[in-house]
Amino acid sequence: MNNFSMNLQKSNIENIPRIMEIVKDAQSYLARLNIDQWQDGYPDQNQIELDIKQNDSYIVLNEKNIIIGTTVFTTKTEPTYKKIDGNWITLEGTKYGVIHRLAVGDDYRKLGLAKFVFSECENKLKELGVTSMRIDTHSENMRMQHMLKKRGYEYCGVIKLERGGERLAYEKIINKI
């Protein structure tokens, strides 16, 4: 477990340069692991700006107020989750949260940042009374798949992205129905 504090807060336009550095770190990291995720220039600055405008972008700060990670967290319906080759745990129309575009700066790996983000977002869903959390990941991203299973997420099937490609879809019940 980490021995320093982290804080999750909303991003703003001024955070974009640092967010893009972290995204580039994540793209390079995935490439080093031979994972063909985010290797096509996604997410780009336009996507990050849109995430901020939609009020869904977050940064993770350490105790020195340095931005060490970024993610998208929302309770808005995810269009690519409407059709799944498989079955979600919850029924159509059930409110759920989504985590997307989770990235960690190179100097801050192995500090528990992903676990922290998941805990914070899951707690927010508990407070809001939202039933579940859904997430998708690349089929080659074994580290994320391992973390999802360890946190109690169940594999539900495969979804297709709007920009092409398939992702493994997971869901976890946060609040009993």
Protein backbone atom coordinates (compact mmCIF):
# COMPACT_ATOMS: atom_id res chain seq x y z
CA MET A 1 0.00 0.00 0.00
CA ASN A 2 1.17 3.52 -0.64
CA ASN A 3 2.52 5.63 2.19
CA PHE A 4 1.46 8.99 0.77
CA SER A 5 -1.85 10.63 0.12
CA MET A 6 -3.69 11.04 -3.18
CA ASN A 7 -6.59 13.25 -4.13
CA LEU A 8 -9.05 12.82 -7.01
CA GLN A 9 -10.50 16.06 -8.37
CA LYS A 10 -12.11 17.46 -11.50
CA SER A 11 -9.76 18.51 -14.31
CA ASN A 12 -9.77 21.89 -15.97
CA ILE A 13 -8.39 23.31 -19.21
CA GLU A 14 -5.15 24.40 -17.48
CA ASN A 15 -4.45 20.71 -16.68
CA ILE A 16 -4.42 19.65 -20.35
CA PRO A 17 -0.63 19.87 -20.95
CA ARG A 18 0.09 17.61 -17.94
CA ILE A 19 -2.78 15.26 -18.81
CA MET A 20 -1.34 14.88 -22.32
CA GLU A 21 2.12 14.11 -20.86
CA ILE A 22 0.55 11.36 -18.76
CA VAL A 23 -1.38 10.00 -21.77
CA LYS A 24 1.88 9.90 -23.77
CA ASP A 25 3.56 8.07 -20.85
CA ALA A 26 0.71 5.53 -20.89
CA GLN A 27 0.90 5.11 -24.68
CA SER A 28 4.65 4.42 -24.44
CA TYR A 29 4.14 2.07 -21.50
CA LEU A 30 1.51 0.04 -23.38
CA ALA A 31 3.79 -0.07 -26.45
CA ARG A 32 6.66 -1.42 -24.28
CA LEU A 33 4.30 -4.17 -23.10
CA ASN A 34 3.41 -4.91 -26.76
CA ILE A 35 -0.22 -3.99 -26.11
CA ASP A 36 -1.91 -2.46 -29.14
CA GLN A 37 -4.00 -0.08 -27.05
CA TRP A 38 -3.83 3.71 -27.52
CA GLN A 39 -1.26 3.24 -30.27
CA ASP A 40 -3.33 5.12 -32.86
CA GLY A 41 -3.03 8.57 -31.27
CA TYR A 42 -6.08 8.08 -29.05
CA PRO A 43 -6.87 9.73 -26.73
CA ASP A 44 -5.81 13.01 -28.31
CA GLN A 45 -6.07 16.55 -26.96
CA ASN A 46 -9.51 17.04 -28.56
CA GLN A 47 -10.83 14.04 -26.62
CA ILE A 48 -9.35 15.35 -23.35
CA GLU A 49 -10.87 18.80 -23.97
CA LEU A 50 -14.26 17.17 -24.63
CA ASP A 51 -13.97 15.12 -21.42
CA ILE A 52 -13.31 18.33 -19.46
CA LYS A 53 -16.18 20.21 -21.15
CA GLN A 54 -18.52 17.30 -20.32
CA ASN A 55 -17.38 17.54 -16.68
CA ASP A 56 -16.17 13.90 -16.67
CA SER A 57 -12.38 14.39 -16.55
CA TYR A 58 -10.44 13.91 -13.32
CA ILE A 59 -6.84 14.25 -12.21
CA VAL A 60 -5.07 12.46 -9.40
CA LEU A 61 -2.81 14.65 -7.27
CA ASN A 62 -0.18 13.48 -4.81
CA GLU A 63 0.55 15.13 -1.46
CA LYS A 64 2.70 17.76 -3.23
CA ASN A 65 -0.22 18.65 -5.55
CA ILE A 66 1.60 17.14 -8.54
CA ILE A 67 -0.70 15.60 -11.14
CA ILE A 68 0.29 11.92 -11.23
CA GLY A 69 -2.68 10.40 -13.07
CA THR A 70 -5.84 11.06 -15.01
CA THR A 71 -9.14 9.33 -15.72
CA VAL A 72 -12.68 9.82 -16.93
CA PHE A 73 -15.49 8.94 -14.56
CA THR A 74 -19.16 9.39 -15.38
CA THR A 75 -22.65 8.10 -14.69
CA LYS A 76 -23.80 9.04 -18.19
CA THR A 77 -24.89 6.19 -20.43
CA GLU A 78 -22.04 4.82 -22.55
CA PRO A 79 -23.26 4.38 -26.17
CA THR A 80 -20.85 1.52 -26.93
CA TYR A 81 -22.26 -0.44 -23.97
CA LYS A 82 -25.75 -0.69 -25.50
CA LYS A 83 -24.70 -3.69 -27.61
CA ILE A 84 -22.59 -6.44 -26.08
CA ASP A 85 -21.61 -9.89 -27.31
CA GLY A 86 -22.53 -11.38 -23.95
CA ASN A 87 -24.64 -10.03 -21.09
CA TRP A 88 -24.26 -7.27 -18.56
CA ILE A 89 -25.07 -8.24 -14.96
CA THR A 90 -27.64 -5.45 -14.67
CA LEU A 91 -30.64 -4.94 -16.92
CA GLU A 92 -31.01 -2.32 -19.64
CA GLY A 93 -31.98 1.01 -18.10
CA THR A 94 -30.15 0.38 -14.80
CA LYS A 95 -27.95 3.33 -13.78
CA TYR A 96 -24.22 2.60 -13.84
CA GLY A 97 -20.89 4.37 -13.57
CA VAL A 98 -18.04 4.16 -16.07
CA ILE A 99 -14.29 4.59 -15.78
CA HIS A 100 -12.42 5.37 -19.01
CA ARG A 101 -8.97 6.55 -20.04
CA LEU A 102 -7.20 5.76 -16.78
CA ALA A 103 -3.52 6.71 -17.12
CA VAL A 104 -0.59 7.03 -14.73
CA GLY A 105 2.56 9.11 -15.13
CA ASP A 106 5.72 7.02 -15.65
CA ASP A 107 7.28 8.16 -12.38
CA TYR A 108 4.21 7.13 -10.37
CA ARG A 109 3.58 3.52 -11.37
CA LYS A 110 3.23 0.82 -8.71
CA LEU A 111 1.93 3.27 -6.09
CA GLY A 112 -1.65 2.01 -6.10
CA LEU A 113 -3.07 4.86 -8.18
CA ALA A 114 -5.45 2.64 -10.19
CA LYS A 115 -6.76 1.01 -6.99
CA PHE A 116 -7.20 4.47 -5.47
CA VAL A 117 -9.17 5.72 -8.50
CA PHE A 118 -11.42 2.64 -8.48
CA SER A 119 -12.06 2.98 -4.73
CA GLU A 120 -12.89 6.68 -5.01
CA CYS A 121 -15.22 6.18 -7.98
CA GLU A 122 -16.92 3.15 -6.43
CA ASN A 123 -17.46 5.14 -3.21
CA LYS A 124 -18.99 7.99 -5.21
CA LEU A 125 -21.41 5.49 -6.80
CA LYS A 126 -22.33 4.18 -3.33
CA GLU A 127 -23.10 7.75 -2.20
CA LEU A 128 -25.20 8.37 -5.32
CA GLY A 129 -27.05 5.05 -5.01
CA VAL A 130 -25.88 3.94 -8.47
CA THR A 131 -26.24 0.19 -9.00
CA SER A 132 -23.00 -0.79 -10.76
CA MET A 133 -19.73 0.17 -12.40
CA ARG A 134 -18.89 -0.88 -15.95
CA ILE A 135 -15.50 -0.76 -17.62
CA ASP A 136 -13.87 -2.11 -20.73
CA THR A 137 -10.26 -2.93 -21.51
CA HIS A 138 -8.07 -4.19 -24.32
CA SER A 139 -7.85 -7.99 -24.62
CA GLU A 140 -4.04 -7.79 -24.30
CA ASN A 141 -4.11 -5.58 -21.17
CA MET A 142 -3.64 -8.41 -18.69
CA ARG A 143 -2.68 -6.10 -15.82
CA MET A 144 -6.00 -4.26 -15.99
CA GLN A 145 -7.91 -7.53 -16.38
CA HIS A 146 -6.15 -8.94 -13.32
CA MET A 147 -6.93 -5.83 -11.26
CA LEU A 148 -10.59 -5.88 -12.35
CA LYS A 149 -10.99 -9.53 -11.31
CA LYS A 150 -9.20 -8.86 -8.01
CA ARG A 151 -11.63 -5.98 -7.30
CA GLY A 152 -14.67 -8.19 -7.93
CA TYR A 153 -15.51 -7.20 -11.51
CA GLU A 154 -17.14 -9.91 -13.59
CA TYR A 155 -16.38 -10.48 -17.26
CA CYS A 156 -19.57 -9.85 -19.25
CA GLY A 157 -18.57 -10.08 -22.92
CA VAL A 158 -17.16 -8.04 -25.78
CA ILE A 159 -18.17 -4.55 -26.89
CA LYS A 160 -17.29 -2.77 -30.13
CA LEU A 161 -15.80 0.73 -30.01
CA GLU A 162 -17.20 3.53 -32.17
CA ARG A 163 -13.75 4.04 -33.71
CA GLY A 164 -13.36 0.31 -34.40
CA GLY A 165 -11.84 -2.44 -32.33
CA GLU A 166 -13.21 -4.64 -29.60
CA ARG A 167 -12.84 -4.46 -25.83
CA LEU A 168 -13.51 -6.88 -22.99
CA ALA A 169 -16.37 -5.60 -20.85
CA TYR A 170 -16.66 -5.98 -17.07
CA GLU A 171 -19.22 -5.00 -14.47
CA LYS A 172 -19.40 -4.91 -10.67
CA ILE A 173 -22.47 -4.43 -8.49
CA ILE A 174 -21.88 -1.47 -6.18
CA ASN A 175 -25.32 -1.08 -4.59
CA LYS A 176 -27.74 -3.98 -4.34
CA ILE A 177 -30.85 -3.49 -6.44
